[in-house]
Amino acid sequence: MRDLNLFIRILTVGTLAVSSLLVAQEQQAVPERGVRLVLLTDPQGIDFKPYLQQIASVSKSHWRVNLAEHGGPVVVQASIEHSGTVSKIVFVSRSGSDALDRAAVQTLASSNPFPPAPTEFKGERILLQFTFAQ
């Protein structure tokens, strides 16, 4: 594995706390085969869909696990700096398979850095939720 100087903090977050954020940002969700993205950050009136499609495409290109063999899904949140650098990864729910959970984290680490956030976005970072599922 590549040394990416990525600080990964793995925590378990209750899914109930996340569900209200998901409802608020559902219009900014981008489904991609094997990867589903939801923007948890306030979009500030900006259309994030093209950016999220880029992120989903990059993530999908690094996803190397057959979910049918390992179970799933696995859900993680990633904090992405305005520059595109992944600064934090947190588990929301684990798959029940250590190999699959590690693969989800490795997918984001291998995708680091992502493209920079849209120039119109004035925040310092973007919070995204990734669901790796069939």
N, C-alpha and C. Protein backbone atom coordinates (compact mmCIF):
# COMPACT_ATOMS: atom_id res chain seq x y z
N MET A 1 0.83 -1.20 0.00
CA MET A 1 0.00 0.00 0.00
C MET A 1 0.87 1.25 0.00
N ARG A 2 0.36 2.26 -0.66
CA ARG A 2 1.11 3.52 -0.73
C ARG A 2 1.06 4.24 0.61
N ASP A 3 2.17 4.91 0.93
CA ASP A 3 2.20 5.76 2.11
C ASP A 3 1.66 7.10 1.70
N LEU A 4 0.49 7.47 2.19
CA LEU A 4 -0.19 8.67 1.72
C LEU A 4 -0.22 9.81 2.73
N ASN A 5 0.47 9.63 3.85
CA ASN A 5 0.44 10.66 4.90
C ASN A 5 -0.99 11.05 5.24
N LEU A 6 -1.83 10.05 5.32
CA LEU A 6 -3.24 10.27 5.59
C LEU A 6 -3.54 9.84 7.02
N PHE A 7 -4.04 10.75 7.80
CA PHE A 7 -4.42 10.43 9.16
C PHE A 7 -5.84 9.91 9.12
N ILE A 8 -5.98 8.66 9.47
CA ILE A 8 -7.29 8.03 9.43
C ILE A 8 -7.74 7.75 10.85
N ARG A 9 -8.80 8.35 11.22
CA ARG A 9 -9.38 8.09 12.52
C ARG A 9 -10.63 7.27 12.30
N ILE A 10 -10.65 6.10 12.84
CA ILE A 10 -11.79 5.22 12.63
C ILE A 10 -12.63 5.19 13.90
N LEU A 11 -13.86 5.63 13.75
CA LEU A 11 -14.80 5.68 14.85
C LEU A 11 -16.11 5.04 14.40
N THR A 12 -16.94 4.71 15.30
CA THR A 12 -18.27 4.26 14.95
C THR A 12 -19.24 5.39 15.30
N VAL A 13 -20.03 5.78 14.34
CA VAL A 13 -20.99 6.86 14.52
C VAL A 13 -22.38 6.25 14.46
N GLY A 14 -23.25 6.63 15.36
CA GLY A 14 -24.62 6.13 15.34
C GLY A 14 -25.33 6.53 14.06
N THR A 15 -25.99 5.60 13.43
CA THR A 15 -26.67 5.89 12.17
C THR A 15 -27.86 6.82 12.35
N LEU A 16 -28.43 6.86 13.53
CA LEU A 16 -29.58 7.74 13.76
C LEU A 16 -29.18 9.21 13.62
N ALA A 17 -28.02 9.59 14.13
CA ALA A 17 -27.56 10.97 14.04
C ALA A 17 -27.31 11.37 12.59
N VAL A 18 -26.92 10.44 11.78
CA VAL A 18 -26.61 10.72 10.38
C VAL A 18 -27.87 10.83 9.54
N SER A 19 -28.93 10.10 9.91
CA SER A 19 -30.11 10.02 9.05
C SER A 19 -30.74 11.38 8.80
N SER A 20 -30.76 12.28 9.78
CA SER A 20 -31.36 13.59 9.55
C SER A 20 -30.54 14.41 8.56
N LEU A 21 -29.22 14.25 8.58
CA LEU A 21 -28.38 14.93 7.61
C LEU A 21 -28.62 14.38 6.21
N LEU A 22 -28.84 13.08 6.11
CA LEU A 22 -29.06 12.47 4.80
C LEU A 22 -30.34 12.98 4.16
N VAL A 23 -31.38 13.13 4.95
CA VAL A 23 -32.64 13.63 4.43
C VAL A 23 -32.46 15.05 3.91
N ALA A 24 -31.72 15.87 4.64
CA ALA A 24 -31.52 17.27 4.25
C ALA A 24 -30.73 17.40 2.96
N GLN A 25 -29.84 16.47 2.69
CA GLN A 25 -28.97 16.58 1.53
C GLN A 25 -29.27 15.57 0.44
N GLU A 26 -30.42 14.90 0.50
CA GLU A 26 -30.73 13.85 -0.47
C GLU A 26 -30.67 14.35 -1.91
N GLN A 27 -30.99 15.62 -2.15
CA GLN A 27 -30.93 16.14 -3.51
C GLN A 27 -29.50 16.21 -4.02
N GLN A 28 -28.52 16.12 -3.16
CA GLN A 28 -27.13 16.16 -3.57
C GLN A 28 -26.50 14.77 -3.59
N ALA A 29 -27.32 13.72 -3.59
CA ALA A 29 -26.81 12.35 -3.64
C ALA A 29 -26.49 11.96 -5.07
N VAL A 30 -25.41 11.21 -5.23
CA VAL A 30 -25.02 10.72 -6.55
C VAL A 30 -24.82 9.22 -6.47
N PRO A 31 -25.73 8.45 -7.09
CA PRO A 31 -25.52 7.01 -7.11
C PRO A 31 -24.54 6.64 -8.21
N GLU A 32 -23.67 5.73 -7.94
CA GLU A 32 -22.71 5.20 -8.90
C GLU A 32 -22.63 3.72 -8.59
N ARG A 33 -22.57 2.89 -9.61
CA ARG A 33 -22.57 1.45 -9.36
C ARG A 33 -21.46 1.09 -8.38
N GLY A 34 -21.83 0.51 -7.25
CA GLY A 34 -20.87 0.11 -6.24
C GLY A 34 -20.55 1.20 -5.23
N VAL A 35 -20.77 2.48 -5.58
CA VAL A 35 -20.46 3.59 -4.68
C VAL A 35 -21.63 4.56 -4.71
N ARG A 36 -22.11 4.94 -3.54
CA ARG A 36 -23.17 5.96 -3.45
C ARG A 36 -22.64 7.08 -2.58
N LEU A 37 -22.78 8.30 -3.03
CA LEU A 37 -22.28 9.47 -2.33
C LEU A 37 -23.41 10.37 -1.88
N VAL A 38 -23.28 10.91 -0.69
CA VAL A 38 -24.23 11.91 -0.21
C VAL A 38 -23.42 13.06 0.38
N LEU A 39 -23.73 14.27 -0.06
CA LEU A 39 -23.11 15.47 0.47
C LEU A 39 -23.75 15.81 1.81
N LEU A 40 -22.95 15.87 2.87
CA LEU A 40 -23.48 16.18 4.19
C LEU A 40 -23.23 17.65 4.56
N THR A 41 -22.42 18.34 3.78
CA THR A 41 -22.11 19.75 4.01
C THR A 41 -23.18 20.62 3.34
N ASP A 42 -23.45 21.78 3.93
CA ASP A 42 -24.36 22.73 3.31
C ASP A 42 -23.81 23.12 1.94
N PRO A 43 -24.57 22.90 0.86
CA PRO A 43 -24.07 23.20 -0.48
C PRO A 43 -23.98 24.70 -0.80
N GLN A 44 -24.49 25.55 0.07
CA GLN A 44 -24.42 27.00 -0.10
C GLN A 44 -24.99 27.46 -1.45
N GLY A 45 -26.01 26.75 -1.93
CA GLY A 45 -26.65 27.11 -3.19
C GLY A 45 -25.87 26.69 -4.43
N ILE A 46 -24.79 25.96 -4.25
CA ILE A 46 -23.95 25.53 -5.36
C ILE A 46 -24.41 24.15 -5.83
N ASP A 47 -24.42 23.93 -7.13
CA ASP A 47 -24.74 22.62 -7.68
C ASP A 47 -23.50 21.73 -7.56
N PHE A 48 -23.51 20.83 -6.60
CA PHE A 48 -22.38 19.94 -6.35
C PHE A 48 -22.43 18.67 -7.19
N LYS A 49 -23.52 18.47 -7.93
CA LYS A 49 -23.67 17.20 -8.64
C LYS A 49 -22.48 16.88 -9.57
N PRO A 50 -21.99 17.82 -10.40
CA PRO A 50 -20.82 17.49 -11.23
C PRO A 50 -19.59 17.11 -10.40
N TYR A 51 -19.38 17.81 -9.30
CA TYR A 51 -18.24 17.49 -8.43
C TYR A 51 -18.41 16.10 -7.81
N LEU A 52 -19.60 15.81 -7.33
CA LEU A 52 -19.85 14.51 -6.72
C LEU A 52 -19.71 13.38 -7.74
N GLN A 53 -20.09 13.64 -8.98
CA GLN A 53 -19.91 12.63 -10.02
C GLN A 53 -18.43 12.35 -10.26
N GLN A 54 -17.60 13.39 -10.20
CA GLN A 54 -16.15 13.21 -10.31
C GLN A 54 -15.63 12.35 -9.16
N ILE A 55 -16.06 12.68 -7.95
CA ILE A 55 -15.61 11.95 -6.76
C ILE A 55 -16.03 10.49 -6.86
N ALA A 56 -17.28 10.25 -7.27
CA ALA A 56 -17.77 8.87 -7.40
C ALA A 56 -16.98 8.11 -8.45
N SER A 57 -16.68 8.76 -9.55
CA SER A 57 -15.92 8.10 -10.61
C SER A 57 -14.50 7.74 -10.15
N VAL A 58 -13.84 8.66 -9.49
CA VAL A 58 -12.49 8.40 -8.97
C VAL A 58 -12.53 7.27 -7.95
N SER A 59 -13.49 7.33 -7.03
CA SER A 59 -13.62 6.28 -6.00
C SER A 59 -13.86 4.93 -6.63
N LYS A 60 -14.77 4.90 -7.57
CA LYS A 60 -15.11 3.63 -8.23
C LYS A 60 -13.89 3.04 -8.94
N SER A 61 -13.04 3.89 -9.50
CA SER A 61 -11.86 3.39 -10.21
C SER A 61 -10.84 2.74 -9.26
N HIS A 62 -10.93 3.06 -7.97
CA HIS A 62 -10.01 2.49 -6.98
C HIS A 62 -10.63 1.35 -6.17
N TRP A 63 -11.91 1.10 -6.37
CA TRP A 63 -12.62 0.05 -5.61
C TRP A 63 -12.25 -1.30 -6.19
N ARG A 64 -11.64 -2.18 -5.40
CA ARG A 64 -11.10 -3.44 -5.91
C ARG A 64 -11.71 -4.68 -5.26
N VAL A 65 -12.83 -4.57 -4.63
CA VAL A 65 -13.41 -5.70 -3.90
C VAL A 65 -14.74 -6.11 -4.51
N ASN A 66 -14.95 -7.41 -4.61
CA ASN A 66 -16.23 -7.94 -5.05
C ASN A 66 -17.12 -8.07 -3.81
N LEU A 67 -18.12 -7.22 -3.71
CA LEU A 67 -18.98 -7.23 -2.53
C LEU A 67 -19.74 -8.54 -2.36
N ALA A 68 -20.02 -9.22 -3.47
CA ALA A 68 -20.74 -10.49 -3.38
C ALA A 68 -19.94 -11.52 -2.59
N GLU A 69 -18.62 -11.41 -2.62
CA GLU A 69 -17.77 -12.37 -1.90
C GLU A 69 -17.57 -11.99 -0.44
N HIS A 70 -17.75 -10.72 -0.10
CA HIS A 70 -17.42 -10.25 1.24
C HIS A 70 -18.59 -9.72 2.05
N GLY A 71 -19.74 -9.54 1.47
CA GLY A 71 -20.87 -8.99 2.21
C GLY A 71 -21.00 -7.50 1.93
N GLY A 72 -21.44 -6.78 2.92
CA GLY A 72 -21.58 -5.34 2.76
C GLY A 72 -22.98 -4.93 3.19
N PRO A 73 -23.34 -3.73 3.07
CA PRO A 73 -22.53 -2.60 2.63
C PRO A 73 -21.66 -2.05 3.76
N VAL A 74 -20.75 -1.17 3.40
CA VAL A 74 -19.96 -0.44 4.38
C VAL A 74 -20.19 1.04 4.10
N VAL A 75 -20.37 1.82 5.18
CA VAL A 75 -20.65 3.25 5.04
C VAL A 75 -19.58 4.02 5.82
N VAL A 76 -18.94 4.96 5.13
CA VAL A 76 -17.93 5.80 5.77
C VAL A 76 -18.19 7.26 5.43
N GLN A 77 -17.76 8.14 6.31
CA GLN A 77 -17.79 9.56 6.04
C GLN A 77 -16.35 10.03 5.88
N ALA A 78 -16.15 10.94 4.94
CA ALA A 78 -14.82 11.49 4.70
C ALA A 78 -14.89 13.01 4.71
N SER A 79 -13.94 13.59 5.41
CA SER A 79 -13.78 15.04 5.41
C SER A 79 -12.75 15.36 4.34
N ILE A 80 -13.14 16.18 3.37
CA ILE A 80 -12.27 16.52 2.25
C ILE A 80 -12.02 18.02 2.28
N GLU A 81 -10.75 18.38 2.39
CA GLU A 81 -10.37 19.79 2.42
C GLU A 81 -10.70 20.44 1.08
N HIS A 82 -10.80 21.75 1.06
CA HIS A 82 -11.12 22.48 -0.17
C HIS A 82 -10.17 22.10 -1.30
N SER A 83 -8.93 21.77 -0.96
CA SER A 83 -7.92 21.40 -1.96
C SER A 83 -8.15 20.01 -2.55
N GLY A 84 -9.02 19.21 -1.91
CA GLY A 84 -9.29 17.85 -2.35
C GLY A 84 -8.63 16.78 -1.49
N THR A 85 -7.82 17.21 -0.54
CA THR A 85 -7.12 16.27 0.34
C THR A 85 -8.07 15.67 1.36
N VAL A 86 -8.05 14.35 1.49
CA VAL A 86 -8.86 13.66 2.50
C VAL A 86 -8.15 13.82 3.83
N SER A 87 -8.83 14.41 4.82
CA SER A 87 -8.20 14.66 6.11
C SER A 87 -8.71 13.74 7.22
N LYS A 88 -9.85 13.09 6.99
CA LYS A 88 -10.41 12.24 8.04
C LYS A 88 -11.40 11.26 7.41
N ILE A 89 -11.37 10.02 7.91
CA ILE A 89 -12.31 8.99 7.49
C ILE A 89 -12.91 8.37 8.74
N VAL A 90 -14.22 8.27 8.78
CA VAL A 90 -14.93 7.75 9.95
C VAL A 90 -15.94 6.71 9.48
N PHE A 91 -15.98 5.55 10.14
CA PHE A 91 -17.00 4.55 9.83
C PHE A 91 -18.34 5.00 10.41
N VAL A 92 -19.38 4.90 9.60
CA VAL A 92 -20.75 5.09 10.06
C VAL A 92 -21.33 3.72 10.39
N SER A 93 -21.12 2.77 9.48
CA SER A 93 -21.49 1.38 9.76
C SER A 93 -20.52 0.46 9.03
N ARG A 94 -20.16 -0.58 9.71
CA ARG A 94 -19.23 -1.56 9.17
C ARG A 94 -19.99 -2.67 8.48
N SER A 95 -19.30 -3.39 7.62
CA SER A 95 -19.92 -4.43 6.81
C SER A 95 -20.02 -5.77 7.51
N GLY A 96 -19.21 -5.98 8.54
CA GLY A 96 -19.11 -7.30 9.16
C GLY A 96 -17.92 -8.07 8.63
N SER A 97 -17.23 -7.50 7.64
CA SER A 97 -16.04 -8.11 7.05
C SER A 97 -14.88 -7.13 7.20
N ASP A 98 -13.85 -7.54 7.94
CA ASP A 98 -12.68 -6.66 8.09
C ASP A 98 -12.05 -6.33 6.74
N ALA A 99 -12.01 -7.31 5.84
CA ALA A 99 -11.41 -7.08 4.52
C ALA A 99 -12.18 -6.01 3.75
N LEU A 100 -13.49 -6.06 3.82
CA LEU A 100 -14.32 -5.09 3.11
C LEU A 100 -14.18 -3.71 3.74
N ASP A 101 -14.17 -3.64 5.07
CA ASP A 101 -14.00 -2.36 5.75
C ASP A 101 -12.66 -1.73 5.40
N ARG A 102 -11.60 -2.53 5.41
CA ARG A 102 -10.27 -2.02 5.04
C ARG A 102 -10.25 -1.57 3.58
N ALA A 103 -10.93 -2.31 2.71
CA ALA A 103 -10.97 -1.95 1.29
C ALA A 103 -11.65 -0.60 1.08
N ALA A 104 -12.69 -0.31 1.85
CA ALA A 104 -13.37 0.99 1.72
C ALA A 104 -12.43 2.13 2.10
N VAL A 105 -11.71 1.95 3.20
CA VAL A 105 -10.75 2.97 3.63
C VAL A 105 -9.63 3.10 2.60
N GLN A 106 -9.13 1.97 2.10
CA GLN A 106 -8.06 1.99 1.10
C GLN A 106 -8.51 2.65 -0.20
N THR A 107 -9.77 2.48 -0.56
CA THR A 107 -10.30 3.13 -1.76
C THR A 107 -10.18 4.64 -1.64
N LEU A 108 -10.56 5.17 -0.48
CA LEU A 108 -10.47 6.62 -0.29
C LEU A 108 -9.02 7.07 -0.20
N ALA A 109 -8.18 6.28 0.46
CA ALA A 109 -6.77 6.63 0.56
C ALA A 109 -6.11 6.63 -0.82
N SER A 110 -6.45 5.67 -1.64
CA SER A 110 -5.89 5.59 -3.00
C SER A 110 -6.40 6.70 -3.90
N SER A 111 -7.56 7.23 -3.58
CA SER A 111 -8.16 8.31 -4.37
C SER A 111 -7.63 9.68 -3.94
N ASN A 112 -6.91 9.73 -2.86
CA ASN A 112 -6.41 10.96 -2.26
C ASN A 112 -5.22 11.49 -3.04
N PRO A 113 -5.21 12.76 -3.45
CA PRO A 113 -6.28 13.73 -3.26
C PRO A 113 -7.35 13.63 -4.35
N PHE A 114 -8.55 14.01 -3.96
CA PHE A 114 -9.64 14.14 -4.92
C PHE A 114 -9.48 15.48 -5.64
N PRO A 115 -10.28 15.73 -6.67
CA PRO A 115 -10.24 17.06 -7.29
C PRO A 115 -10.62 18.13 -6.25
N PRO A 116 -10.12 19.34 -6.42
CA PRO A 116 -10.49 20.42 -5.49
C PRO A 116 -12.00 20.69 -5.52
N ALA A 117 -12.50 21.24 -4.43
CA ALA A 117 -13.91 21.61 -4.35
C ALA A 117 -14.22 22.69 -5.39
N PRO A 118 -15.49 22.83 -5.75
CA PRO A 118 -15.86 23.90 -6.68
C PRO A 118 -15.37 25.26 -6.17
N THR A 119 -14.88 26.09 -7.06
CA THR A 119 -14.32 27.39 -6.66
C THR A 119 -15.34 28.28 -5.97
N GLU A 120 -16.63 28.11 -6.30
CA GLU A 120 -17.68 28.93 -5.68
C GLU A 120 -17.90 28.56 -4.21
N PHE A 121 -17.49 27.35 -3.82
CA PHE A 121 -17.69 26.89 -2.45
C PHE A 121 -16.72 27.62 -1.53
N LYS A 122 -17.23 28.27 -0.51
CA LYS A 122 -16.41 29.09 0.38
C LYS A 122 -16.00 28.39 1.67
N GLY A 123 -16.49 27.17 1.89
CA GLY A 123 -16.13 26.44 3.09
C GLY A 123 -14.71 25.89 3.02
N GLU A 124 -14.20 25.50 4.19
CA GLU A 124 -12.85 24.94 4.25
C GLU A 124 -12.81 23.46 3.86
N ARG A 125 -13.92 22.76 4.13
CA ARG A 125 -13.94 21.32 3.85
C ARG A 125 -15.36 20.88 3.51
N ILE A 126 -15.40 19.71 2.90
CA ILE A 126 -16.67 19.10 2.51
C ILE A 126 -16.77 17.77 3.24
N LEU A 127 -17.94 17.46 3.77
CA LEU A 127 -18.18 16.17 4.42
C LEU A 127 -19.04 15.33 3.47
N LEU A 128 -18.50 14.19 3.09
CA LEU A 128 -19.22 13.27 2.19
C LEU A 128 -19.44 11.95 2.88
N GLN A 129 -20.56 11.32 2.57
CA GLN A 129 -20.82 9.97 3.04
C GLN A 129 -20.76 9.03 1.84
N PHE A 130 -19.93 8.01 1.95
CA PHE A 130 -19.76 6.99 0.91
C PHE A 130 -20.40 5.71 1.37
N THR A 131 -21.23 5.12 0.53
CA THR A 131 -21.76 3.78 0.79
C THR A 131 -21.23 2.88 -0.30
N PHE A 132 -20.49 1.87 0.09
CA PHE A 132 -19.97 0.88 -0.84
C PHE A 132 -20.89 -0.32 -0.76
N ALA A 133 -21.68 -0.55 -1.81
CA ALA A 133 -22.69 -1.61 -1.83
C ALA A 133 -22.86 -2.09 -3.26
N GLN A 134 -23.63 -3.19 -3.39
CA GLN A 134 -23.90 -3.71 -4.73
C GLN A 134 -24.98 -2.93 -5.41
